[in-house]
C-alpha cells in the first residue's frame, strides 16, 4: 500500500470539476484509491465519495493506493493532485 498526503491549494477546495477529473484519473487503475480527511474516507472512483468529505482550501488529505497497479496509480493521481488541487 502506498500513501500520499497533500494540502489542498485550490481556493474553492475540492469542488465538482476537480472531483470529476479525479474520478476519471482514478478509474484508469484497478487499484483501490481512497481519499481521507479527518478520519473519514471516500472512494476516489465515486464522485459522491469525494464530494461528501467537503474538503476546503488549506486542509490536508491522505490518498491511499492498494492493488496490483498501485505504483502507477500513485504516480498519476499524486501528480494530478499537485497540478489541479
C-alpha atoms as a PDB file:
ATOM      1  CA  UNK A   1       0.000   0.000   0.000  1.00  0.00           C
ATOM      2  CA  UNK A   2       1.223   3.485  -0.870  1.00  0.00           C
ATOM      3  CA  UNK A   3       0.171   6.732   0.756  1.00  0.00           C
ATOM      4  CA  UNK A   4       0.257  10.376  -0.367  1.00  0.00           C
ATOM      5  CA  UNK A   5      -0.510  13.407   1.817  1.00  0.00           C
ATOM      6  CA  UNK A   6      -1.441  16.683   0.201  1.00  0.00           C
ATOM      7  CA  UNK A   7      -2.678  20.081   1.384  1.00  0.00           C
ATOM      8  CA  UNK A   8      -5.413  21.461  -0.887  1.00  0.00           C
ATOM      9  CA  UNK A   9      -4.423  24.777  -2.503  1.00  0.00           C
ATOM     10  CA  UNK A  10      -7.473  25.436  -4.703  1.00  0.00           C
ATOM     11  CA  UNK A  11      -9.304  28.459  -3.203  1.00  0.00           C
ATOM     12  CA  UNK A  12     -12.624  26.620  -3.551  1.00  0.00           C
ATOM     13  CA  UNK A  13     -11.360  23.331  -2.109  1.00  0.00           C
ATOM     14  CA  UNK A  14     -12.366  20.116  -3.864  1.00  0.00           C
ATOM     15  CA  UNK A  15     -15.466  21.108  -5.824  1.00  0.00           C
ATOM     16  CA  UNK A  16     -17.366  19.356  -8.632  1.00  0.00           C
ATOM     17  CA  UNK A  17     -14.985  19.945 -11.557  1.00  0.00           C
ATOM     18  CA  UNK A  18     -11.745  18.733  -9.955  1.00  0.00           C
ATOM     19  CA  UNK A  19     -13.618  15.935  -8.166  1.00  0.00           C
ATOM     20  CA  UNK A  20     -14.938  14.700 -11.526  1.00  0.00           C
ATOM     21  CA  UNK A  21     -11.450  14.852 -13.021  1.00  0.00           C
ATOM     22  CA  UNK A  22     -10.053  12.948 -10.037  1.00  0.00           C
ATOM     23  CA  UNK A  23     -12.655  10.215 -10.602  1.00  0.00           C
ATOM     24  CA  UNK A  24     -11.593   9.966 -14.266  1.00  0.00           C
ATOM     25  CA  UNK A  25      -7.931   9.701 -13.252  1.00  0.00           C
ATOM     26  CA  UNK A  26      -8.644   7.056 -10.582  1.00  0.00           C
ATOM     27  CA  UNK A  27     -10.841   4.900 -12.840  1.00  0.00           C
ATOM     28  CA  UNK A  28      -7.859   4.235 -15.119  1.00  0.00           C
ATOM     29  CA  UNK A  29      -6.457   1.870 -12.483  1.00  0.00           C
ATOM     30  CA  UNK A  30      -7.621  -1.380 -10.910  1.00  0.00           C
ATOM     31  CA  UNK A  31      -6.168  -0.487  -7.504  1.00  0.00           C
ATOM     32  CA  UNK A  32      -8.376   0.766  -4.697  1.00  0.00           C
ATOM     33  CA  UNK A  33      -7.797   4.509  -4.263  1.00  0.00           C
ATOM     34  CA  UNK A  34      -9.204   6.244  -1.189  1.00  0.00           C
ATOM     35  CA  UNK A  35      -9.230   9.906  -0.173  1.00  0.00           C
ATOM     36  CA  UNK A  36      -9.332  10.554   3.584  1.00  0.00           C
ATOM     37  CA  UNK A  37      -9.819  13.653   5.735  1.00  0.00           C
ATOM     38  CA  UNK A  38     -10.436  13.916   9.481  1.00  0.00           C
ATOM     39  CA  UNK A  39     -10.979  10.181   9.946  1.00  0.00           C
ATOM     40  CA  UNK A  40     -13.489   9.853   7.089  1.00  0.00           C
ATOM     41  CA  UNK A  41     -12.683   8.406   3.688  1.00  0.00           C
ATOM     42  CA  UNK A  42     -14.234   8.181   0.254  1.00  0.00           C
ATOM     43  CA  UNK A  43     -13.662   6.084  -2.847  1.00  0.00           C
ATOM     44  CA  UNK A  44     -11.845   8.140  -5.485  1.00  0.00           C
ATOM     45  CA  UNK A  45     -13.759   6.297  -8.202  1.00  0.00           C
ATOM     46  CA  UNK A  46     -17.072   7.754  -6.982  1.00  0.00           C
ATOM     47  CA  UNK A  47     -17.730  11.494  -7.131  1.00  0.00           C
ATOM     48  CA  UNK A  48     -20.091  11.482  -4.141  1.00  0.00           C
ATOM     49  CA  UNK A  49     -17.419   9.728  -2.079  1.00  0.00           C
ATOM     50  CA  UNK A  50     -15.084  12.651  -2.750  1.00  0.00           C
ATOM     51  CA  UNK A  51     -17.636  15.464  -2.521  1.00  0.00           C
ATOM     52  CA  UNK A  52     -19.045  14.046   0.723  1.00  0.00           C
ATOM     53  CA  UNK A  53     -15.779  14.838   2.501  1.00  0.00           C
ATOM     54  CA  UNK A  54     -16.304  18.599   1.906  1.00  0.00           C
ATOM     55  CA  UNK A  55     -12.580  19.317   1.609  1.00  0.00           C
ATOM     56  CA  UNK A  56     -11.759  23.024   1.882  1.00  0.00           C
ATOM     57  CA  UNK A  57      -8.718  25.075   0.908  1.00  0.00           C
ATOM     58  CA  UNK A  58      -5.807  24.536   3.295  1.00  0.00           C
ATOM     59  CA  UNK A  59      -6.974  21.146   4.579  1.00  0.00           C
ATOM     60  CA  UNK A  60      -4.710  18.114   4.362  1.00  0.00           C
ATOM     61  CA  UNK A  61      -5.962  14.932   2.721  1.00  0.00           C
ATOM     62  CA  UNK A  62      -4.419  11.483   2.538  1.00  0.00           C
ATOM     63  CA  UNK A  63      -4.705   9.291  -0.519  1.00  0.00           C
ATOM     64  CA  UNK A  64      -4.082   5.558  -0.191  1.00  0.00           C
ATOM     65  CA  UNK A  65      -3.409   3.203  -3.080  1.00  0.00           C
ATOM     66  CA  UNK A  66      -3.708  -0.561  -2.799  1.00  0.00           C
ATOM     67  CA  UNK A  67      -3.641  -3.128  -5.584  1.00  0.00           C
ATOM     68  CA  UNK A  68      -1.652  -4.570  -8.440  1.00  0.00           C
ATOM     69  CA  UNK A  69      -1.044  -1.235 -10.199  1.00  0.00           C
ATOM     70  CA  UNK A  70      -0.718   0.909  -7.061  1.00  0.00           C
ATOM     71  CA  UNK A  71       2.679   2.306  -8.092  1.00  0.00           C
ATOM     72  CA  UNK A  72       1.358   3.639 -11.415  1.00  0.00           C
ATOM     73  CA  UNK A  73      -1.824   4.890  -9.726  1.00  0.00           C
ATOM     74  CA  UNK A  74       0.241   6.657  -7.054  1.00  0.00           C
ATOM     75  CA  UNK A  75       2.380   8.412  -9.667  1.00  0.00           C
ATOM     76  CA  UNK A  76      -0.536   9.515 -11.855  1.00  0.00           C
ATOM     77  CA  UNK A  77      -3.011  10.554  -9.153  1.00  0.00           C
ATOM     78  CA  UNK A  78      -0.465  12.331  -6.946  1.00  0.00           C
ATOM     79  CA  UNK A  79       0.717  14.302  -9.986  1.00  0.00           C
ATOM     80  CA  UNK A  80      -2.928  15.152 -10.823  1.00  0.00           C
ATOM     81  CA  UNK A  81      -3.461  16.436  -7.270  1.00  0.00           C
ATOM     82  CA  UNK A  82      -0.378  18.657  -7.430  1.00  0.00           C
ATOM     83  CA  UNK A  83      -1.454  20.167 -10.748  1.00  0.00           C
ATOM     84  CA  UNK A  84      -5.195  20.577 -10.128  1.00  0.00           C
ATOM     85  CA  UNK A  85      -5.979  20.885  -6.443  1.00  0.00           C
END
